[in-house]
Amino acid sequence: MLLWIGVALVAIGAFEFALFSYMAPRNPGIAKRKRFLDLNAGFNAVLGVVLIVVGF
């Protein structure tokens, strides 16, 4: 179960990073908070990798 949650978190983190990178130039509100949004996406990906390792 932890394995699949980890995979989902890694996928969500990658999707968030790609989405915010695409939308930041078009939306000044996102561009202002991009650093924090990238940190959140990275946190999701790192937590997902940890859960994948623990899940094995």
Protein backbone atom coordinates (compact mmCIF):
# COMPACT_ATOMS: atom_id res chain seq x y z
CA MET A 1 0.00 0.00 0.00
CA LEU A 2 2.81 2.44 0.86
CA LEU A 3 4.38 1.68 -2.50
CA TRP A 4 1.33 2.88 -4.44
CA ILE A 5 0.90 5.97 -2.28
CA GLY A 6 4.56 6.78 -2.91
CA VAL A 7 4.15 6.34 -6.66
CA ALA A 8 1.11 8.62 -6.59
CA LEU A 9 2.98 11.30 -4.62
CA VAL A 10 5.93 11.23 -7.02
CA ALA A 11 3.55 11.55 -9.98
CA ILE A 12 1.65 14.40 -8.29
CA GLY A 13 4.90 16.21 -7.47
CA ALA A 14 6.14 15.93 -11.05
CA PHE A 15 2.77 17.07 -12.40
CA GLU A 16 2.65 20.07 -10.03
CA PHE A 17 6.16 21.12 -11.00
CA ALA A 18 5.39 20.90 -14.72
CA LEU A 19 2.05 22.65 -14.35
CA PHE A 20 3.38 25.55 -12.28
CA SER A 21 6.40 25.96 -14.56
CA TYR A 22 4.03 26.21 -17.53
CA MET A 23 1.56 28.55 -15.84
CA ALA A 24 3.96 30.90 -14.00
CA PRO A 25 4.78 33.14 -16.99
CA ARG A 26 1.07 33.56 -17.74
CA ASN A 27 -0.19 34.18 -14.22
CA PRO A 28 1.48 36.75 -11.95
CA GLY A 29 -0.10 35.22 -8.82
CA ILE A 30 1.55 31.87 -9.51
CA ALA A 31 4.81 33.54 -10.52
CA LYS A 32 4.93 35.29 -7.14
CA ARG A 33 4.54 32.03 -5.24
CA LYS A 34 6.48 29.77 -7.62
CA ARG A 35 9.33 29.18 -5.16
CA PHE A 36 6.93 27.82 -2.54
CA LEU A 37 4.96 25.84 -5.10
CA ASP A 38 8.18 24.24 -6.33
CA LEU A 39 9.16 23.42 -2.75
CA ASN A 40 5.78 21.77 -2.23
CA ALA A 41 6.13 19.75 -5.44
CA GLY A 42 9.63 18.68 -4.39
CA PHE A 43 8.43 17.73 -0.92
CA ASN A 44 5.71 15.55 -2.46
CA ALA A 45 8.24 13.82 -4.71
CA VAL A 46 10.75 13.24 -1.90
CA LEU A 47 8.08 11.93 0.44
CA GLY A 48 6.86 9.65 -2.34
CA VAL A 49 10.37 8.23 -2.86
CA VAL A 50 10.68 7.63 0.90
CA LEU A 51 7.36 5.77 0.91
CA ILE A 52 8.44 3.70 -2.09
CA VAL A 53 11.65 2.69 -0.30
CA VAL A 54 9.78 1.89 2.91
CA GLY A 55 7.09 0.03 0.95
CA PHE A 56 9.59 -2.45 -0.47
